[in-house]
Amino acid sequence: MKNAELLKKAEALGFPLLQAETGTDDYRTLAEVIRSRNPRLWEGFPVMLANAAEKGDFSFAQLKARMRTPTEKNLAEELLLVSVSLYNAARLKFAWAQTLPEQQKYSDNFKNNAAIKIGDYSFPPEKLKAVFNAYRVKSAGQITDILSARSGFGVEYAMSQIFTAKQKELFFKKLRGEKLTKTEKEYFSRTVKKKVAALANEDLHRLAVKLLE
């Protein structure tokens, strides 16, 4: 795939280098970013991965299935582990990341600001943090004005305990003001809206907080 087209798809996952293209296969886009060996895109991989995961339950197996060779699969795993270590350094939690082996592999690199080498490239942790923080603020702002950048990503972990992947997708589509299909509207009204109403109940919230004390 031509680099310009890949850059457009990268923007659809929250790394806006060019005008965004909608309706893309997120796993395929992530795979193409990995395959590109483009350092600029690799710096933005944690941003794109976080935004892809926000739409529903992320599956590393599905991402690996898009990779063509053992070398590409290894690069995918390394970029994933770098991303998770970055999230941990930023004190952000994602449900899917908790089950990954070696999720702390690059934690010391971020703690000690030691260069991270992936393939033929070496990345300063501070640069990865700066890129992530810059685009994290923008993408979180697109979700909702009432959530800060940190809570915007942290809420994904909490929501995964209550909503299914499809329900989370409809939740955010509704929050962004995106148009729902007739079937989606019916499902949102029948299922998602009831859960949202329960979460918004102040008395229930107070009881839940008291229970956790």
N, C-alpha and C. Protein backbone atom coordinates (compact mmCIF):
# COMPACT_ATOMS: atom_id res chain seq x y z
N MET A 1 0.85 -1.20 0.00
CA MET A 1 0.00 0.00 0.00
C MET A 1 0.88 1.24 0.00
N LYS A 2 0.49 2.25 -0.77
CA LYS A 2 1.24 3.48 -0.83
C LYS A 2 1.25 4.18 0.52
N ASN A 3 2.38 4.84 0.83
CA ASN A 3 2.54 5.47 2.13
C ASN A 3 1.49 6.53 2.40
N ALA A 4 1.12 7.32 1.40
CA ALA A 4 0.13 8.38 1.59
C ALA A 4 -1.21 7.81 2.01
N GLU A 5 -1.59 6.69 1.40
CA GLU A 5 -2.87 6.07 1.75
C GLU A 5 -2.83 5.53 3.18
N LEU A 6 -1.70 4.97 3.58
CA LEU A 6 -1.55 4.46 4.93
C LEU A 6 -1.61 5.59 5.96
N LEU A 7 -1.02 6.72 5.64
CA LEU A 7 -1.07 7.87 6.54
C LEU A 7 -2.50 8.33 6.78
N LYS A 8 -3.32 8.27 5.72
CA LYS A 8 -4.72 8.64 5.87
C LYS A 8 -5.44 7.69 6.82
N LYS A 9 -5.17 6.41 6.67
CA LYS A 9 -5.80 5.42 7.54
C LYS A 9 -5.32 5.57 8.98
N ALA A 10 -4.06 5.96 9.13
CA ALA A 10 -3.52 6.17 10.47
C ALA A 10 -4.28 7.28 11.19
N GLU A 11 -4.69 8.29 10.44
CA GLU A 11 -5.44 9.39 11.05
C GLU A 11 -6.78 8.92 11.58
N ALA A 12 -7.38 7.94 10.91
CA ALA A 12 -8.66 7.41 11.36
C ALA A 12 -8.54 6.76 12.72
N LEU A 13 -7.30 6.42 13.13
CA LEU A 13 -7.06 5.85 14.46
C LEU A 13 -6.43 6.88 15.39
N GLY A 14 -6.66 8.15 15.12
CA GLY A 14 -6.28 9.19 16.05
C GLY A 14 -4.88 9.73 15.93
N PHE A 15 -4.21 9.48 14.77
CA PHE A 15 -2.88 10.03 14.56
C PHE A 15 -2.92 10.86 13.30
N PRO A 16 -3.49 12.08 13.39
CA PRO A 16 -3.82 12.88 12.21
C PRO A 16 -2.63 13.55 11.52
N LEU A 17 -2.03 12.84 10.58
CA LEU A 17 -0.99 13.44 9.76
C LEU A 17 -1.59 14.02 8.49
N LEU A 18 -2.65 13.38 8.00
CA LEU A 18 -3.40 13.86 6.85
C LEU A 18 -4.87 13.76 7.17
N GLN A 19 -5.74 14.10 6.25
CA GLN A 19 -7.17 14.05 6.49
C GLN A 19 -7.62 12.62 6.73
N ALA A 20 -8.49 12.42 7.71
CA ALA A 20 -8.90 11.07 8.11
C ALA A 20 -9.74 10.38 7.06
N GLU A 21 -9.59 9.05 7.05
CA GLU A 21 -10.42 8.22 6.19
C GLU A 21 -11.23 7.31 7.09
N THR A 22 -12.54 7.29 6.92
CA THR A 22 -13.40 6.52 7.79
C THR A 22 -13.72 5.19 7.16
N GLY A 23 -14.31 4.28 7.99
CA GLY A 23 -14.75 3.01 7.49
C GLY A 23 -13.61 2.04 7.22
N THR A 24 -12.45 2.20 7.88
CA THR A 24 -11.33 1.32 7.65
C THR A 24 -11.37 0.15 8.60
N ASP A 25 -10.66 -0.93 8.23
CA ASP A 25 -10.47 -2.09 9.08
C ASP A 25 -9.32 -1.75 10.02
N ASP A 26 -9.62 -1.55 11.30
CA ASP A 26 -8.60 -1.09 12.23
C ASP A 26 -7.43 -2.07 12.34
N TYR A 27 -7.73 -3.36 12.39
CA TYR A 27 -6.66 -4.35 12.49
C TYR A 27 -5.76 -4.30 11.26
N ARG A 28 -6.38 -4.15 10.11
CA ARG A 28 -5.59 -4.08 8.88
C ARG A 28 -4.73 -2.83 8.87
N THR A 29 -5.29 -1.70 9.32
CA THR A 29 -4.52 -0.46 9.35
C THR A 29 -3.33 -0.59 10.30
N LEU A 30 -3.56 -1.16 11.48
CA LEU A 30 -2.47 -1.36 12.43
C LEU A 30 -1.39 -2.27 11.83
N ALA A 31 -1.83 -3.31 11.14
CA ALA A 31 -0.89 -4.23 10.52
C ALA A 31 -0.05 -3.52 9.45
N GLU A 32 -0.70 -2.65 8.69
CA GLU A 32 0.01 -1.92 7.64
C GLU A 32 0.99 -0.91 8.24
N VAL A 33 0.62 -0.33 9.37
CA VAL A 33 1.54 0.58 10.06
C VAL A 33 2.79 -0.18 10.51
N ILE A 34 2.57 -1.37 11.07
CA ILE A 34 3.69 -2.20 11.50
C ILE A 34 4.57 -2.58 10.30
N ARG A 35 3.92 -3.00 9.23
CA ARG A 35 4.61 -3.46 8.03
C ARG A 35 5.37 -2.34 7.33
N SER A 36 4.93 -1.10 7.52
CA SER A 36 5.55 0.04 6.82
C SER A 36 6.98 0.30 7.26
N ARG A 37 7.30 -0.07 8.51
CA ARG A 37 8.62 0.21 9.10
C ARG A 37 8.93 1.71 9.04
N ASN A 38 7.88 2.51 9.10
CA ASN A 38 8.01 3.97 9.08
C ASN A 38 8.14 4.46 10.52
N PRO A 39 9.32 4.98 10.92
CA PRO A 39 9.52 5.40 12.31
C PRO A 39 8.48 6.41 12.80
N ARG A 40 8.06 7.30 11.92
CA ARG A 40 7.07 8.32 12.30
C ARG A 40 5.74 7.66 12.67
N LEU A 41 5.36 6.67 11.89
CA LEU A 41 4.11 5.97 12.18
C LEU A 41 4.27 5.07 13.40
N TRP A 42 5.43 4.47 13.55
CA TRP A 42 5.65 3.62 14.72
C TRP A 42 5.60 4.45 16.01
N GLU A 43 6.04 5.69 15.95
CA GLU A 43 5.94 6.57 17.13
C GLU A 43 4.49 6.78 17.52
N GLY A 44 3.61 6.80 16.53
CA GLY A 44 2.19 7.01 16.80
C GLY A 44 1.40 5.73 17.03
N PHE A 45 2.07 4.57 16.97
CA PHE A 45 1.37 3.30 17.13
C PHE A 45 0.60 3.20 18.45
N PRO A 46 1.18 3.60 19.60
CA PRO A 46 0.43 3.53 20.85
C PRO A 46 -0.87 4.35 20.82
N VAL A 47 -0.85 5.48 20.12
CA VAL A 47 -2.06 6.30 19.99
C VAL A 47 -3.12 5.55 19.19
N MET A 48 -2.71 5.02 18.05
CA MET A 48 -3.65 4.33 17.18
C MET A 48 -4.19 3.06 17.84
N LEU A 49 -3.32 2.34 18.55
CA LEU A 49 -3.75 1.12 19.24
C LEU A 49 -4.78 1.44 20.32
N ALA A 50 -4.54 2.50 21.09
CA ALA A 50 -5.47 2.89 22.15
C ALA A 50 -6.83 3.25 21.57
N ASN A 51 -6.84 3.97 20.46
CA ASN A 51 -8.10 4.38 19.84
C ASN A 51 -8.84 3.19 19.22
N ALA A 52 -8.08 2.24 18.66
CA ALA A 52 -8.70 1.05 18.10
C ALA A 52 -9.31 0.20 19.22
N ALA A 53 -8.60 0.09 20.33
CA ALA A 53 -9.08 -0.71 21.45
C ALA A 53 -10.31 -0.10 22.11
N GLU A 54 -10.39 1.23 22.06
CA GLU A 54 -11.52 1.92 22.67
C GLU A 54 -12.85 1.54 22.01
N LYS A 55 -12.80 1.18 20.73
CA LYS A 55 -14.03 0.87 19.99
C LYS A 55 -14.63 -0.47 20.39
N GLY A 56 -13.86 -1.30 21.03
CA GLY A 56 -14.34 -2.62 21.43
C GLY A 56 -13.18 -3.43 21.96
N ASP A 57 -13.45 -4.69 22.33
CA ASP A 57 -12.41 -5.54 22.89
C ASP A 57 -11.32 -5.81 21.84
N PHE A 58 -10.10 -5.45 22.19
CA PHE A 58 -8.98 -5.64 21.28
C PHE A 58 -8.49 -7.08 21.34
N SER A 59 -8.10 -7.64 20.21
CA SER A 59 -7.59 -9.01 20.15
C SER A 59 -6.24 -9.01 19.45
N PHE A 60 -5.20 -9.37 20.19
CA PHE A 60 -3.87 -9.45 19.60
C PHE A 60 -3.83 -10.57 18.55
N ALA A 61 -4.60 -11.63 18.77
CA ALA A 61 -4.64 -12.73 17.82
C ALA A 61 -5.13 -12.25 16.45
N GLN A 62 -6.14 -11.36 16.46
CA GLN A 62 -6.65 -10.84 15.19
C GLN A 62 -5.62 -9.96 14.50
N LEU A 63 -4.85 -9.21 15.28
CA LEU A 63 -3.82 -8.38 14.69
C LEU A 63 -2.72 -9.25 14.09
N LYS A 64 -2.29 -10.28 14.83
CA LYS A 64 -1.25 -11.17 14.34
C LYS A 64 -1.69 -11.89 13.07
N ALA A 65 -2.99 -12.16 12.97
CA ALA A 65 -3.51 -12.85 11.78
C ALA A 65 -3.33 -12.01 10.52
N ARG A 66 -3.20 -10.68 10.70
CA ARG A 66 -3.01 -9.79 9.55
C ARG A 66 -1.54 -9.74 9.13
N MET A 67 -0.64 -10.25 9.97
CA MET A 67 0.78 -10.20 9.66
C MET A 67 1.15 -11.38 8.77
N ARG A 68 2.08 -11.18 7.84
CA ARG A 68 2.36 -12.18 6.80
C ARG A 68 3.53 -13.10 7.11
N THR A 69 4.48 -12.64 7.91
CA THR A 69 5.67 -13.43 8.17
C THR A 69 5.97 -13.48 9.66
N PRO A 70 6.80 -14.44 10.09
CA PRO A 70 7.20 -14.48 11.51
C PRO A 70 7.86 -13.19 11.97
N THR A 71 8.64 -12.57 11.08
CA THR A 71 9.28 -11.31 11.44
C THR A 71 8.25 -10.22 11.71
N GLU A 72 7.23 -10.14 10.87
CA GLU A 72 6.17 -9.15 11.06
C GLU A 72 5.40 -9.42 12.35
N LYS A 73 5.15 -10.69 12.65
CA LYS A 73 4.44 -11.04 13.88
C LYS A 73 5.25 -10.62 15.10
N ASN A 74 6.57 -10.78 15.01
CA ASN A 74 7.45 -10.38 16.11
C ASN A 74 7.44 -8.87 16.28
N LEU A 75 7.47 -8.13 15.17
CA LEU A 75 7.40 -6.66 15.25
C LEU A 75 6.09 -6.21 15.88
N ALA A 76 5.00 -6.90 15.51
CA ALA A 76 3.69 -6.56 16.08
C ALA A 76 3.70 -6.76 17.59
N GLU A 77 4.28 -7.86 18.03
CA GLU A 77 4.33 -8.14 19.46
C GLU A 77 5.17 -7.11 20.19
N GLU A 78 6.31 -6.74 19.61
CA GLU A 78 7.19 -5.77 20.25
C GLU A 78 6.53 -4.39 20.34
N LEU A 79 5.87 -3.95 19.28
CA LEU A 79 5.19 -2.66 19.31
C LEU A 79 4.04 -2.68 20.30
N LEU A 80 3.38 -3.82 20.43
CA LEU A 80 2.29 -3.94 21.40
C LEU A 80 2.83 -3.82 22.82
N LEU A 81 3.94 -4.51 23.09
CA LEU A 81 4.54 -4.46 24.42
C LEU A 81 5.07 -3.08 24.75
N VAL A 82 5.63 -2.39 23.77
CA VAL A 82 6.07 -1.01 23.98
C VAL A 82 4.88 -0.13 24.34
N SER A 83 3.78 -0.32 23.61
CA SER A 83 2.57 0.48 23.85
C SER A 83 2.04 0.24 25.25
N VAL A 84 1.96 -1.03 25.67
CA VAL A 84 1.44 -1.36 27.00
C VAL A 84 2.34 -0.79 28.09
N SER A 85 3.65 -0.86 27.89
CA SER A 85 4.57 -0.28 28.86
C SER A 85 4.40 1.23 28.95
N LEU A 86 4.13 1.85 27.81
CA LEU A 86 3.86 3.29 27.79
C LEU A 86 2.57 3.60 28.55
N TYR A 87 1.53 2.81 28.32
CA TYR A 87 0.26 3.02 29.04
C TYR A 87 0.49 2.89 30.55
N ASN A 88 1.26 1.86 30.95
CA ASN A 88 1.52 1.65 32.37
C ASN A 88 2.28 2.85 32.95
N ALA A 89 3.23 3.37 32.18
CA ALA A 89 4.00 4.53 32.64
C ALA A 89 3.09 5.75 32.82
N ALA A 90 2.06 5.83 31.99
CA ALA A 90 1.11 6.94 32.06
C ALA A 90 -0.04 6.64 33.03
N ARG A 91 0.03 5.47 33.68
CA ARG A 91 -0.99 5.03 34.65
C ARG A 91 -2.36 4.92 34.01
N LEU A 92 -2.37 4.35 32.82
CA LEU A 92 -3.61 4.10 32.10
C LEU A 92 -3.83 2.59 32.03
N LYS A 93 -5.08 2.18 32.21
CA LYS A 93 -5.39 0.75 32.20
C LYS A 93 -6.32 0.40 31.04
N PHE A 94 -6.01 -0.73 30.39
CA PHE A 94 -6.88 -1.29 29.36
C PHE A 94 -7.11 -2.75 29.71
N ALA A 95 -8.36 -3.18 29.66
CA ALA A 95 -8.70 -4.53 30.07
C ALA A 95 -7.93 -5.57 29.27
N TRP A 96 -7.82 -5.39 27.96
CA TRP A 96 -7.17 -6.39 27.13
C TRP A 96 -5.69 -6.52 27.44
N ALA A 97 -5.08 -5.46 27.95
CA ALA A 97 -3.63 -5.47 28.19
C ALA A 97 -3.24 -6.26 29.43
N GLN A 98 -4.20 -6.49 30.33
CA GLN A 98 -3.88 -7.14 31.59
C GLN A 98 -3.53 -8.62 31.43
N THR A 99 -3.92 -9.21 30.30
CA THR A 99 -3.68 -10.64 30.09
C THR A 99 -2.43 -10.91 29.25
N LEU A 100 -1.75 -9.87 28.81
CA LEU A 100 -0.59 -10.05 27.94
C LEU A 100 0.63 -10.52 28.73
N PRO A 101 1.33 -11.55 28.22
CA PRO A 101 2.60 -11.93 28.86
C PRO A 101 3.65 -10.88 28.59
N GLU A 102 4.57 -10.72 29.49
CA GLU A 102 5.67 -9.77 29.35
C GLU A 102 5.20 -8.33 29.19
N GLN A 103 4.05 -8.01 29.78
CA GLN A 103 3.52 -6.66 29.60
C GLN A 103 4.41 -5.59 30.24
N GLN A 104 5.33 -6.01 31.13
CA GLN A 104 6.24 -5.06 31.77
C GLN A 104 7.60 -5.03 31.10
N LYS A 105 7.73 -5.64 29.92
CA LYS A 105 9.03 -5.82 29.27
C LYS A 105 9.81 -4.52 29.12
N TYR A 106 9.13 -3.44 28.74
CA TYR A 106 9.83 -2.17 28.48
C TYR A 106 9.59 -1.14 29.58
N SER A 107 9.07 -1.59 30.71
CA SER A 107 8.78 -0.66 31.81
C SER A 107 10.04 0.06 32.30
N ASP A 108 11.13 -0.69 32.42
CA ASP A 108 12.37 -0.06 32.89
C ASP A 108 12.90 0.96 31.89
N ASN A 109 12.66 0.73 30.62
CA ASN A 109 13.10 1.70 29.61
C ASN A 109 12.42 3.04 29.82
N PHE A 110 11.11 2.99 30.10
CA PHE A 110 10.39 4.24 30.33
C PHE A 110 10.77 4.86 31.67
N LYS A 111 11.03 4.01 32.65
CA LYS A 111 11.40 4.50 33.98
C LYS A 111 12.76 5.17 33.95
N ASN A 112 13.70 4.57 33.22
CA ASN A 112 15.08 5.08 33.19
C ASN A 112 15.41 5.88 31.93
N ASN A 113 14.41 6.08 31.09
CA ASN A 113 14.59 6.81 29.83
C ASN A 113 15.68 6.17 28.97
N ALA A 114 15.66 4.85 28.91
CA ALA A 114 16.62 4.11 28.09
C ALA A 114 16.02 3.82 26.72
N ALA A 115 16.80 3.98 25.68
CA ALA A 115 16.31 3.81 24.32
C ALA A 115 15.70 2.43 24.09
N ILE A 116 14.64 2.39 23.29
CA ILE A 116 13.96 1.15 22.95
C ILE A 116 14.25 0.83 21.49
N LYS A 117 14.79 -0.35 21.26
CA LYS A 117 15.14 -0.74 19.89
C LYS A 117 14.12 -1.74 19.36
N ILE A 118 13.52 -1.40 18.22
CA ILE A 118 12.56 -2.26 17.54
C ILE A 118 13.00 -2.38 16.09
N GLY A 119 13.29 -3.59 15.66
CA GLY A 119 13.78 -3.76 14.31
C GLY A 119 15.08 -3.00 14.13
N ASP A 120 15.15 -2.17 13.11
CA ASP A 120 16.36 -1.38 12.84
C ASP A 120 16.32 0.01 13.45
N TYR A 121 15.28 0.28 14.24
CA TYR A 121 15.10 1.64 14.75
C TYR A 121 15.21 1.69 16.28
N SER A 122 15.69 2.82 16.76
CA SER A 122 15.81 3.05 18.19
C SER A 122 14.99 4.29 18.57
N PHE A 123 14.14 4.13 19.59
CA PHE A 123 13.23 5.21 19.96
C PHE A 123 13.49 5.67 21.39
N PRO A 124 13.66 6.98 21.61
CA PRO A 124 13.77 7.51 22.97
C PRO A 124 12.39 7.44 23.65
N PRO A 125 12.28 6.87 24.83
CA PRO A 125 10.99 6.81 25.53
C PRO A 125 10.32 8.17 25.68
N GLU A 126 11.14 9.21 25.92
CA GLU A 126 10.55 10.54 26.09
C GLU A 126 9.85 11.00 24.82
N LYS A 127 10.38 10.61 23.66
CA LYS A 127 9.74 10.98 22.40
C LYS A 127 8.41 10.25 22.25
N LEU A 128 8.39 8.97 22.60
CA LEU A 128 7.15 8.20 22.52
C LEU A 128 6.09 8.78 23.47
N LYS A 129 6.53 9.17 24.67
CA LYS A 129 5.61 9.78 25.63
C LYS A 129 5.05 11.09 25.09
N ALA A 130 5.92 11.91 24.51
CA ALA A 130 5.50 13.22 24.01
C ALA A 130 4.48 13.08 22.89
N VAL A 131 4.72 12.15 21.98
CA VAL A 131 3.79 11.92 20.87
C VAL A 131 2.46 11.43 21.41
N PHE A 132 2.52 10.48 22.33
CA PHE A 132 1.29 9.92 22.89
C PHE A 132 0.49 10.98 23.63
N ASN A 133 1.16 11.76 24.46
CA ASN A 133 0.46 12.79 25.23
C ASN A 133 -0.16 13.85 24.33
N ALA A 134 0.53 14.22 23.27
CA ALA A 134 0.02 15.25 22.36
C ALA A 134 -1.26 14.80 21.67
N TYR A 135 -1.27 13.58 21.13
CA TYR A 135 -2.44 13.12 20.40
C TYR A 135 -3.50 12.53 21.31
N ARG A 136 -3.10 12.11 22.51
CA ARG A 136 -4.07 11.59 23.46
C ARG A 136 -5.06 12.68 23.86
N VAL A 137 -4.57 13.88 24.06
CA VAL A 137 -5.43 15.01 24.41
C VAL A 137 -6.44 15.28 23.31
N LYS A 138 -5.98 15.27 22.05
CA LYS A 138 -6.87 15.56 20.93
C LYS A 138 -7.93 14.49 20.77
N SER A 139 -7.52 13.21 20.82
CA SER A 139 -8.49 12.14 20.60
C SER A 139 -9.48 12.04 21.74
N ALA A 140 -9.01 12.29 22.98
CA ALA A 140 -9.93 12.25 24.11
C ALA A 140 -10.96 13.36 23.99
N GLY A 141 -10.52 14.53 23.48
CA GLY A 141 -11.44 15.65 23.31
C GLY A 141 -12.52 15.36 22.30
N GLN A 142 -12.23 14.51 21.34
CA GLN A 142 -13.23 14.15 20.34
C GLN A 142 -14.31 13.26 20.93
N ILE A 143 -13.98 12.52 21.98
CA ILE A 143 -14.96 11.62 22.59
C ILE A 143 -15.99 12.43 23.36
N THR A 144 -15.54 13.30 24.22
CA THR A 144 -16.48 14.09 24.99
C THR A 144 -15.77 15.25 25.67
N ASP A 145 -16.45 16.37 25.78
CA ASP A 145 -15.85 17.54 26.40
C ASP A 145 -15.79 17.43 27.91
N ILE A 146 -16.55 16.51 28.49
CA ILE A 146 -16.62 16.44 29.95
C ILE A 146 -15.62 15.46 30.53
N LEU A 147 -14.89 14.72 29.67
CA LEU A 147 -13.88 13.79 30.16
C LEU A 147 -12.50 14.37 29.91
N SER A 148 -11.64 14.30 30.89
CA SER A 148 -10.26 14.73 30.68
C SER A 148 -9.55 13.68 29.86
N ALA A 149 -8.35 14.00 29.37
CA ALA A 149 -7.61 13.03 28.56
C ALA A 149 -7.33 11.77 29.36
N ARG A 150 -6.94 11.92 30.61
CA ARG A 150 -6.61 10.74 31.41
C ARG A 150 -7.84 9.89 31.68
N SER A 151 -8.96 10.51 32.09
CA SER A 151 -10.15 9.73 32.40
C SER A 151 -10.78 9.17 31.14
N GLY A 152 -10.55 9.86 30.02
CA GLY A 152 -11.12 9.37 28.76
C GLY A 152 -10.62 7.99 28.40
N PHE A 153 -9.32 7.73 28.63
CA PHE A 153 -8.77 6.42 28.34
C PHE A 153 -8.99 5.47 29.51
N GLY A 154 -8.94 5.99 30.76
CA GLY A 154 -9.15 5.14 31.93
C GLY A 154 -10.55 4.56 31.97
N VAL A 155 -11.52 5.27 31.43
CA VAL A 155 -12.89 4.82 31.48
C VAL A 155 -13.10 3.56 30.65
N GLU A 156 -12.22 3.31 29.66
CA GLU A 156 -12.35 2.10 28.84
C GLU A 156 -12.25 0.85 29.69
N TYR A 157 -11.35 0.87 30.67
CA TYR A 157 -11.16 -0.29 31.54
C TYR A 157 -12.40 -0.52 32.40
N ALA A 158 -12.94 0.56 32.95
CA ALA A 158 -14.14 0.43 33.79
C ALA A 158 -15.34 -0.03 32.97
N MET A 159 -15.47 0.51 31.76
CA MET A 159 -16.61 0.15 30.92
C MET A 159 -16.58 -1.31 30.51
N SER A 160 -15.37 -1.87 30.37
CA SER A 160 -15.25 -3.26 29.95
C SER A 160 -15.80 -4.22 30.99
N GLN A 161 -15.95 -3.73 32.22
CA GLN A 161 -16.52 -4.55 33.28
C GLN A 161 -18.05 -4.58 33.22
N ILE A 162 -18.63 -3.67 32.45
CA ILE A 162 -20.09 -3.52 32.43
C ILE A 162 -20.68 -3.76 31.04
N PHE A 163 -20.02 -3.21 30.03
CA PHE A 163 -20.56 -3.27 28.67
C PHE A 163 -19.82 -4.29 27.81
N THR A 164 -20.53 -4.89 26.87
CA THR A 164 -19.89 -5.74 25.87
C THR A 164 -19.20 -4.82 24.86
N ALA A 165 -18.41 -5.42 23.97
CA ALA A 165 -17.70 -4.62 22.97
C ALA A 165 -18.68 -3.83 22.10
N LYS A 166 -19.75 -4.48 21.67
CA LYS A 166 -20.74 -3.80 20.83
C LYS A 166 -21.44 -2.68 21.58
N GLN A 167 -21.75 -2.92 22.86
CA GLN A 167 -22.40 -1.89 23.66
C GLN A 167 -21.50 -0.69 23.87
N LYS A 168 -20.18 -0.93 24.06
CA LYS A 168 -19.24 0.18 24.19
C LYS A 168 -19.17 0.98 22.89
N GLU A 169 -19.18 0.26 21.78
CA GLU A 169 -19.14 0.93 20.48
C GLU A 169 -20.33 1.86 20.30
N LEU A 170 -21.53 1.37 20.64
CA LEU A 170 -22.74 2.19 20.51
C LEU A 170 -22.72 3.36 21.50
N PHE A 171 -22.19 3.11 22.70
CA PHE A 171 -22.08 4.15 23.72
C PHE A 171 -21.30 5.35 23.17
N PHE A 172 -20.13 5.07 22.59
CA PHE A 172 -19.28 6.15 22.09
C PHE A 172 -19.83 6.76 20.81
N LYS A 173 -20.47 5.95 19.97
CA LYS A 173 -21.09 6.51 18.77
C LYS A 173 -22.18 7.50 19.15
N LYS A 174 -22.98 7.15 20.13
CA LYS A 174 -24.03 8.04 20.60
C LYS A 174 -23.44 9.29 21.23
N LEU A 175 -22.36 9.10 21.99
CA LEU A 175 -21.70 10.22 22.67
C LEU A 175 -21.11 11.21 21.66
N ARG A 176 -20.60 10.68 20.56
CA ARG A 176 -20.01 11.54 19.53
C ARG A 176 -21.06 12.16 18.62
N GLY A 177 -22.31 11.73 18.77
CA GLY A 177 -23.36 12.26 17.91
C GLY A 177 -23.38 11.63 16.54
N GLU A 178 -22.78 10.44 16.40
CA GLU A 178 -22.77 9.76 15.11
C GLU A 178 -24.13 9.11 14.85
N LYS A 179 -24.47 8.98 13.58
CA LYS A 179 -25.77 8.42 13.20
C LYS A 179 -25.80 6.92 13.44
N LEU A 180 -26.87 6.44 14.07
CA LEU A 180 -27.05 5.01 14.32
C LEU A 180 -28.04 4.44 13.32
N THR A 181 -27.85 3.17 12.99
CA THR A 181 -28.81 2.51 12.11
C THR A 181 -30.07 2.22 12.91
N LYS A 182 -31.13 1.81 12.25
CA LYS A 182 -32.39 1.50 12.92
C LYS A 182 -32.19 0.39 13.94
N THR A 183 -31.42 -0.63 13.56
CA THR A 183 -31.15 -1.74 14.47
C THR A 183 -30.33 -1.28 15.67
N GLU A 184 -29.33 -0.43 15.40
CA GLU A 184 -28.50 0.08 16.50
C GLU A 184 -29.31 0.94 17.46
N LYS A 185 -30.20 1.76 16.92
CA LYS A 185 -31.05 2.59 17.78
C LYS A 185 -31.91 1.73 18.70
N GLU A 186 -32.48 0.67 18.13
CA GLU A 186 -33.34 -0.21 18.92
C GLU A 186 -32.54 -0.92 20.01
N TYR A 187 -31.34 -1.38 19.65
CA TYR A 187 -30.51 -2.09 20.64
C TYR A 187 -30.02 -1.13 21.72
N PHE A 188 -29.66 0.09 21.32
CA PHE A 188 -29.22 1.08 22.29
C PHE A 188 -30.34 1.38 23.29
N SER A 189 -31.54 1.58 22.78
CA SER A 189 -32.68 1.92 23.64
C SER A 189 -33.06 0.75 24.54
N ARG A 190 -32.96 -0.46 23.99
CA ARG A 190 -33.41 -1.65 24.72
C ARG A 190 -32.41 -2.10 25.79
N THR A 191 -31.12 -1.91 25.52
CA THR A 191 -30.09 -2.47 26.40
C THR A 191 -29.12 -1.44 26.96
N VAL A 192 -28.45 -0.72 26.09
CA VAL A 192 -27.39 0.19 26.53
C VAL A 192 -27.93 1.33 27.38
N LYS A 193 -29.02 1.91 26.94
CA LYS A 193 -29.58 3.07 27.65
C LYS A 193 -29.96 2.72 29.08
N LYS A 194 -30.44 1.49 29.30
CA LYS A 194 -30.82 1.07 30.65
C LYS A 194 -29.60 0.99 31.56
N LYS A 195 -28.49 0.49 31.03
CA LYS A 195 -27.27 0.42 31.83
C LYS A 195 -26.74 1.81 32.13
N VAL A 196 -26.81 2.69 31.13
CA VAL A 196 -26.35 4.06 31.32
C VAL A 196 -27.19 4.77 32.38
N ALA A 197 -28.48 4.53 32.34
CA ALA A 197 -29.38 5.14 33.33
C ALA A 197 -29.04 4.67 34.73
N ALA A 198 -28.72 3.38 34.86
CA ALA A 198 -28.36 2.85 36.16
C ALA A 198 -27.05 3.47 36.66
N LEU A 199 -26.08 3.64 35.76
CA LEU A 199 -24.81 4.24 36.14
C LEU A 199 -24.97 5.71 36.54
N ALA A 200 -25.95 6.36 35.94
CA ALA A 200 -26.18 7.78 36.22
C ALA A 200 -26.97 8.00 37.51
N ASN A 201 -27.48 6.94 38.07
CA ASN A 201 -28.28 7.06 39.29
C ASN A 201 -27.38 7.46 40.47
N GLU A 202 -27.62 8.61 41.05
CA GLU A 202 -26.76 9.13 42.11
C GLU A 202 -26.80 8.27 43.36
N ASP A 203 -27.97 7.75 43.71
CA ASP A 203 -28.08 6.92 44.90
C ASP A 203 -27.28 5.63 44.75
N LEU A 204 -27.37 5.04 43.56
CA LEU A 204 -26.61 3.82 43.29
C LEU A 204 -25.11 4.10 43.35
N HIS A 205 -24.70 5.25 42.82
CA HIS A 205 -23.29 5.63 42.85
C HIS A 205 -22.79 5.76 44.29
N ARG A 206 -23.58 6.42 45.15
CA ARG A 206 -23.18 6.59 46.55
C ARG A 206 -23.06 5.24 47.24
N LEU A 207 -24.01 4.33 46.96
CA LEU A 207 -23.96 3.00 47.58
C LEU A 207 -22.72 2.23 47.11
N ALA A 208 -22.40 2.36 45.83
CA ALA A 208 -21.24 1.66 45.29
C ALA A 208 -19.95 2.17 45.93
N VAL A 209 -19.85 3.50 46.09
CA VAL A 209 -18.67 4.09 46.71
C VAL A 209 -18.54 3.63 48.16
N LYS A 210 -19.68 3.60 48.86
CA LYS A 210 -19.68 3.17 50.28
C LYS A 210 -19.25 1.70 50.39
N LEU A 211 -19.70 0.90 49.45
CA LEU A 211 -19.37 -0.52 49.47
C LEU A 211 -17.87 -0.76 49.29
N LEU A 212 -17.22 0.12 48.55
CA LEU A 212 -15.80 -0.02 48.26
C LEU A 212 -14.91 0.60 49.33
N GLU A 213 -15.50 1.28 50.27
CA GLU A 213 -14.69 1.92 51.33
C GLU A 213 -14.03 0.89 52.23
